[in-house]
Structures are given as structure tokens and as C-alpha cells.
Amino acid sequence: MEAVIVSLTIFVLALVVGYEVITKVPPILHTPLMSGSNAISGISILGALIFAGVNEGALTAVLGFLAVVLGAINVVGGFLVTHRMLLMFKRKE
């Protein structure tokens, strides 16, 4: 039970810090910063894979699978947004 409370506390603190950091970014920098950070967030997929591989029951496997899917969507979206932004700065012939 203590591990759940510690994990929940870390999660809530990460939410608060993430919210505070994102709200302080100027709007003109928001899209480039977020597209880059979404592409880098592949690290969270590793954690999700570890979580999905723990044999603690069906709920853990379902939540782990959901985390892997959502993390993959986030990574692909980050790459697509970054690619689209880079095409905007390409010289037209």
C-alpha cells in the first residue's frame, strides 16, 4: 500500500510541475517545443512496456497496453508535427 501512495504522489507532483512548465511557455514557442518533447517521450513507452510485462493481473496488463498505445500515438504525433513544421521552412522552388 505504501508503494501505491508513493507512486500516486510522484504522479500528482509530475502533473503539477508539467502544468506549470507548459503554462509558462510563450505561445510562439509552444508548437516547436511540444512537438520535440512529444517525439522524445518515447522513454515513457519503455516504462509502459515494463508495466505491461508485470504479471500482477488483467488490470495491470490492460493499463500497460493502453499506456503503450497512447505513448506510441504521442511519439508518432510528435514526429508528424515536427516534420510538418520543418516543411514550412523549406524553400519553395
N, C-alpha and C. Protein backbone atom coordinates (compact mmCIF):
# COMPACT_ATOMS: atom_id res chain seq x y z
N MET A 1 0.83 -1.20 0.00
CA MET A 1 0.00 0.00 0.00
C MET A 1 0.87 1.25 0.00
N GLU A 2 2.00 1.17 0.68
CA GLU A 2 2.89 2.33 0.74
C GLU A 2 3.46 2.68 -0.63
N ALA A 3 3.76 1.67 -1.43
CA ALA A 3 4.30 1.90 -2.78
C ALA A 3 3.26 2.59 -3.66
N VAL A 4 1.99 2.27 -3.49
CA VAL A 4 0.93 2.91 -4.27
C VAL A 4 0.83 4.38 -3.91
N ILE A 5 0.93 4.69 -2.63
CA ILE A 5 0.84 6.08 -2.19
C ILE A 5 2.03 6.88 -2.70
N VAL A 6 3.22 6.30 -2.65
CA VAL A 6 4.42 6.98 -3.17
C VAL A 6 4.29 7.20 -4.67
N SER A 7 3.85 6.20 -5.40
CA SER A 7 3.68 6.32 -6.85
C SER A 7 2.64 7.37 -7.19
N LEU A 8 1.54 7.39 -6.47
CA LEU A 8 0.49 8.37 -6.71
C LEU A 8 0.98 9.79 -6.40
N THR A 9 1.77 9.94 -5.35
CA THR A 9 2.33 11.24 -5.01
C THR A 9 3.27 11.74 -6.10
N ILE A 10 4.12 10.87 -6.60
CA ILE A 10 5.03 11.25 -7.69
C ILE A 10 4.24 11.62 -8.93
N PHE A 11 3.19 10.88 -9.23
CA PHE A 11 2.36 11.18 -10.40
C PHE A 11 1.71 12.55 -10.27
N VAL A 12 1.15 12.85 -9.13
CA VAL A 12 0.48 14.15 -8.92
C VAL A 12 1.50 15.28 -8.99
N LEU A 13 2.67 15.10 -8.39
CA LEU A 13 3.71 16.13 -8.47
C LEU A 13 4.17 16.34 -9.92
N ALA A 14 4.29 15.27 -10.69
CA ALA A 14 4.66 15.39 -12.11
C ALA A 14 3.60 16.15 -12.89
N LEU A 15 2.33 15.91 -12.58
CA LEU A 15 1.26 16.66 -13.23
C LEU A 15 1.35 18.15 -12.93
N VAL A 16 1.56 18.48 -11.68
CA VAL A 16 1.63 19.89 -11.28
C VAL A 16 2.84 20.58 -11.93
N VAL A 17 4.00 19.94 -11.88
CA VAL A 17 5.20 20.52 -12.48
C VAL A 17 5.04 20.66 -13.99
N GLY A 18 4.51 19.64 -14.64
CA GLY A 18 4.28 19.71 -16.08
C GLY A 18 3.34 20.83 -16.47
N TYR A 19 2.27 20.98 -15.72
CA TYR A 19 1.32 22.06 -15.99
C TYR A 19 1.97 23.42 -15.82
N GLU A 20 2.73 23.58 -14.76
CA GLU A 20 3.38 24.87 -14.52
C GLU A 20 4.42 25.19 -15.59
N VAL A 21 5.15 24.20 -16.04
CA VAL A 21 6.16 24.44 -17.08
C VAL A 21 5.50 24.81 -18.40
N ILE A 22 4.47 24.09 -18.79
CA ILE A 22 3.82 24.34 -20.07
C ILE A 22 3.10 25.69 -20.09
N THR A 23 2.49 26.09 -18.99
CA THR A 23 1.77 27.37 -18.99
C THR A 23 2.72 28.56 -19.04
N LYS A 24 3.98 28.37 -18.72
CA LYS A 24 4.95 29.48 -18.75
C LYS A 24 5.62 29.65 -20.12
N VAL A 25 5.35 28.76 -21.06
CA VAL A 25 5.96 28.84 -22.39
C VAL A 25 5.18 29.85 -23.23
N PRO A 26 5.87 30.79 -23.91
CA PRO A 26 5.16 31.74 -24.78
C PRO A 26 4.46 31.00 -25.93
N PRO A 27 3.33 31.51 -26.38
CA PRO A 27 2.58 30.81 -27.45
C PRO A 27 3.38 30.58 -28.73
N ILE A 28 4.28 31.48 -29.07
CA ILE A 28 5.03 31.32 -30.31
C ILE A 28 6.00 30.13 -30.23
N LEU A 29 6.41 29.75 -29.03
CA LEU A 29 7.33 28.63 -28.87
C LEU A 29 6.62 27.33 -28.52
N HIS A 30 5.33 27.38 -28.31
CA HIS A 30 4.62 26.22 -27.80
C HIS A 30 4.66 25.04 -28.78
N THR A 31 4.35 25.27 -30.04
CA THR A 31 4.29 24.17 -31.01
C THR A 31 5.64 23.51 -31.23
N PRO A 32 6.73 24.29 -31.47
CA PRO A 32 8.03 23.61 -31.65
C PRO A 32 8.48 22.86 -30.40
N LEU A 33 8.25 23.44 -29.25
CA LEU A 33 8.67 22.79 -28.01
C LEU A 33 7.88 21.52 -27.77
N MET A 34 6.57 21.57 -27.97
CA MET A 34 5.75 20.40 -27.70
C MET A 34 5.98 19.30 -28.73
N SER A 35 6.23 19.65 -29.98
CA SER A 35 6.45 18.60 -30.97
C SER A 35 7.75 17.87 -30.67
N GLY A 36 8.76 18.61 -30.25
CA GLY A 36 10.03 17.97 -29.89
C GLY A 36 9.90 17.11 -28.65
N SER A 37 9.20 17.61 -27.65
CA SER A 37 9.07 16.84 -26.42
C SER A 37 8.18 15.62 -26.62
N ASN A 38 7.21 15.70 -27.50
CA ASN A 38 6.39 14.52 -27.79
C ASN A 38 7.22 13.44 -28.46
N ALA A 39 8.11 13.85 -29.36
CA ALA A 39 8.96 12.86 -30.03
C ALA A 39 9.92 12.22 -29.04
N ILE A 40 10.38 12.98 -28.07
CA ILE A 40 11.32 12.45 -27.09
C ILE A 40 10.61 11.57 -26.07
N SER A 41 9.31 11.69 -25.96
CA SER A 41 8.59 10.97 -24.91
C SER A 41 8.53 9.47 -25.16
N GLY A 42 9.30 8.98 -26.10
CA GLY A 42 9.39 7.54 -26.30
C GLY A 42 9.93 6.83 -25.08
N ILE A 43 10.59 7.57 -24.21
CA ILE A 43 11.09 6.99 -22.96
C ILE A 43 9.92 6.46 -22.13
N SER A 44 8.79 7.15 -22.20
CA SER A 44 7.63 6.69 -21.43
C SER A 44 7.11 5.35 -21.94
N ILE A 45 7.36 5.06 -23.22
CA ILE A 45 6.94 3.76 -23.77
C ILE A 45 7.72 2.64 -23.10
N LEU A 46 8.99 2.88 -22.80
CA LEU A 46 9.77 1.85 -22.10
C LEU A 46 9.17 1.53 -20.74
N GLY A 47 8.79 2.56 -20.00
CA GLY A 47 8.14 2.34 -18.71
C GLY A 47 6.82 1.61 -18.86
N ALA A 48 6.07 1.96 -19.91
CA ALA A 48 4.79 1.29 -20.15
C ALA A 48 5.00 -0.17 -20.50
N LEU A 49 6.05 -0.47 -21.28
CA LEU A 49 6.33 -1.87 -21.61
C LEU A 49 6.69 -2.67 -20.37
N ILE A 50 7.46 -2.07 -19.49
CA ILE A 50 7.80 -2.75 -18.24
C ILE A 50 6.54 -2.99 -17.42
N PHE A 51 5.69 -1.96 -17.35
CA PHE A 51 4.45 -2.07 -16.59
C PHE A 51 3.53 -3.13 -17.18
N ALA A 52 3.49 -3.19 -18.51
CA ALA A 52 2.62 -4.17 -19.16
C ALA A 52 3.14 -5.60 -18.97
N GLY A 53 4.46 -5.74 -18.79
CA GLY A 53 5.03 -7.07 -18.66
C GLY A 53 4.96 -7.66 -17.27
N VAL A 54 4.56 -6.86 -16.29
CA VAL A 54 4.46 -7.37 -14.92
C VAL A 54 3.21 -8.23 -14.81
N ASN A 55 3.36 -9.42 -14.30
CA ASN A 55 2.23 -10.34 -14.18
C ASN A 55 1.52 -10.16 -12.85
N GLU A 56 0.79 -9.07 -12.73
CA GLU A 56 0.06 -8.80 -11.49
C GLU A 56 -1.45 -8.92 -11.68
N GLY A 57 -1.87 -9.26 -12.87
CA GLY A 57 -3.29 -9.42 -13.11
C GLY A 57 -3.71 -8.81 -14.43
N ALA A 58 -4.99 -8.98 -14.73
CA ALA A 58 -5.52 -8.50 -16.01
C ALA A 58 -5.56 -6.98 -16.07
N LEU A 59 -5.88 -6.32 -14.97
CA LEU A 59 -5.95 -4.86 -14.95
C LEU A 59 -4.59 -4.25 -15.27
N THR A 60 -3.54 -4.80 -14.70
CA THR A 60 -2.20 -4.30 -14.96
C THR A 60 -1.83 -4.45 -16.43
N ALA A 61 -2.17 -5.58 -17.01
CA ALA A 61 -1.86 -5.81 -18.43
C ALA A 61 -2.64 -4.86 -19.32
N VAL A 62 -3.91 -4.63 -19.01
CA VAL A 62 -4.73 -3.72 -19.81
C VAL A 62 -4.22 -2.30 -19.69
N LEU A 63 -3.92 -1.85 -18.48
CA LEU A 63 -3.40 -0.49 -18.30
C LEU A 63 -2.04 -0.33 -18.96
N GLY A 64 -1.20 -1.34 -18.88
CA GLY A 64 0.10 -1.29 -19.53
C GLY A 64 -0.03 -1.22 -21.04
N PHE A 65 -0.92 -2.02 -21.60
CA PHE A 65 -1.16 -1.98 -23.05
C PHE A 65 -1.69 -0.62 -23.47
N LEU A 66 -2.62 -0.07 -22.71
CA LEU A 66 -3.16 1.25 -23.00
C LEU A 66 -2.07 2.32 -22.95
N ALA A 67 -1.18 2.21 -21.97
CA ALA A 67 -0.08 3.16 -21.86
C ALA A 67 0.86 3.06 -23.06
N VAL A 68 1.13 1.85 -23.52
CA VAL A 68 1.99 1.67 -24.70
C VAL A 68 1.33 2.28 -25.94
N VAL A 69 0.04 2.04 -26.12
CA VAL A 69 -0.66 2.58 -27.29
C VAL A 69 -0.68 4.10 -27.25
N LEU A 70 -1.03 4.69 -26.12
CA LEU A 70 -1.08 6.14 -26.01
C LEU A 70 0.31 6.77 -26.17
N GLY A 71 1.33 6.12 -25.63
CA GLY A 71 2.70 6.62 -25.80
C GLY A 71 3.13 6.57 -27.25
N ALA A 72 2.77 5.51 -27.95
CA ALA A 72 3.13 5.40 -29.37
C ALA A 72 2.42 6.47 -30.19
N ILE A 73 1.16 6.73 -29.88
CA ILE A 73 0.43 7.80 -30.57
C ILE A 73 1.11 9.14 -30.32
N ASN A 74 1.55 9.37 -29.11
CA ASN A 74 2.22 10.62 -28.76
C ASN A 74 3.53 10.78 -29.53
N VAL A 75 4.30 9.71 -29.62
CA VAL A 75 5.58 9.77 -30.34
C VAL A 75 5.35 10.01 -31.83
N VAL A 76 4.44 9.28 -32.43
CA VAL A 76 4.16 9.45 -33.85
C VAL A 76 3.63 10.86 -34.12
N GLY A 77 2.75 11.33 -33.28
CA GLY A 77 2.23 12.70 -33.44
C GLY A 77 3.32 13.74 -33.33
N GLY A 78 4.26 13.54 -32.42
CA GLY A 78 5.38 14.48 -32.28
C GLY A 78 6.23 14.52 -33.54
N PHE A 79 6.50 13.36 -34.10
CA PHE A 79 7.28 13.32 -35.33
C PHE A 79 6.52 13.96 -36.50
N LEU A 80 5.22 13.72 -36.59
CA LEU A 80 4.44 14.29 -37.69
C LEU A 80 4.37 15.82 -37.59
N VAL A 81 4.17 16.34 -36.40
CA VAL A 81 4.11 17.79 -36.22
C VAL A 81 5.47 18.41 -36.53
N THR A 82 6.54 17.78 -36.06
CA THR A 82 7.88 18.31 -36.33
C THR A 82 8.16 18.29 -37.83
N HIS A 83 7.80 17.21 -38.50
CA HIS A 83 8.02 17.12 -39.94
C HIS A 83 7.23 18.21 -40.68
N ARG A 84 6.01 18.42 -40.28
CA ARG A 84 5.18 19.45 -40.93
C ARG A 84 5.76 20.84 -40.69
N MET A 85 6.25 21.11 -39.49
CA MET A 85 6.85 22.41 -39.21
C MET A 85 8.12 22.62 -40.05
N LEU A 86 8.94 21.59 -40.19
CA LEU A 86 10.15 21.71 -40.97
C LEU A 86 9.83 21.95 -42.45
N LEU A 87 8.74 21.37 -42.95
CA LEU A 87 8.35 21.62 -44.34
C LEU A 87 7.93 23.08 -44.54
N MET A 88 7.43 23.73 -43.50
CA MET A 88 7.04 25.13 -43.62
C MET A 88 8.24 26.04 -43.87
N PHE A 89 9.42 25.63 -43.39
CA PHE A 89 10.61 26.47 -43.54
C PHE A 89 11.46 26.08 -44.74
N LYS A 90 11.01 25.10 -45.51
CA LYS A 90 11.75 24.66 -46.68
C LYS A 90 11.55 25.66 -47.82
N ARG A 91 12.60 25.91 -48.57
CA ARG A 91 12.49 26.83 -49.70
C ARG A 91 11.66 26.20 -50.80
N LYS A 92 10.80 27.03 -51.37
CA LYS A 92 9.96 26.56 -52.48
C LYS A 92 10.66 26.84 -53.78
N GLU A 93 10.64 25.87 -54.66
CA GLU A 93 11.34 26.04 -55.95
C GLU A 93 10.40 26.43 -57.05
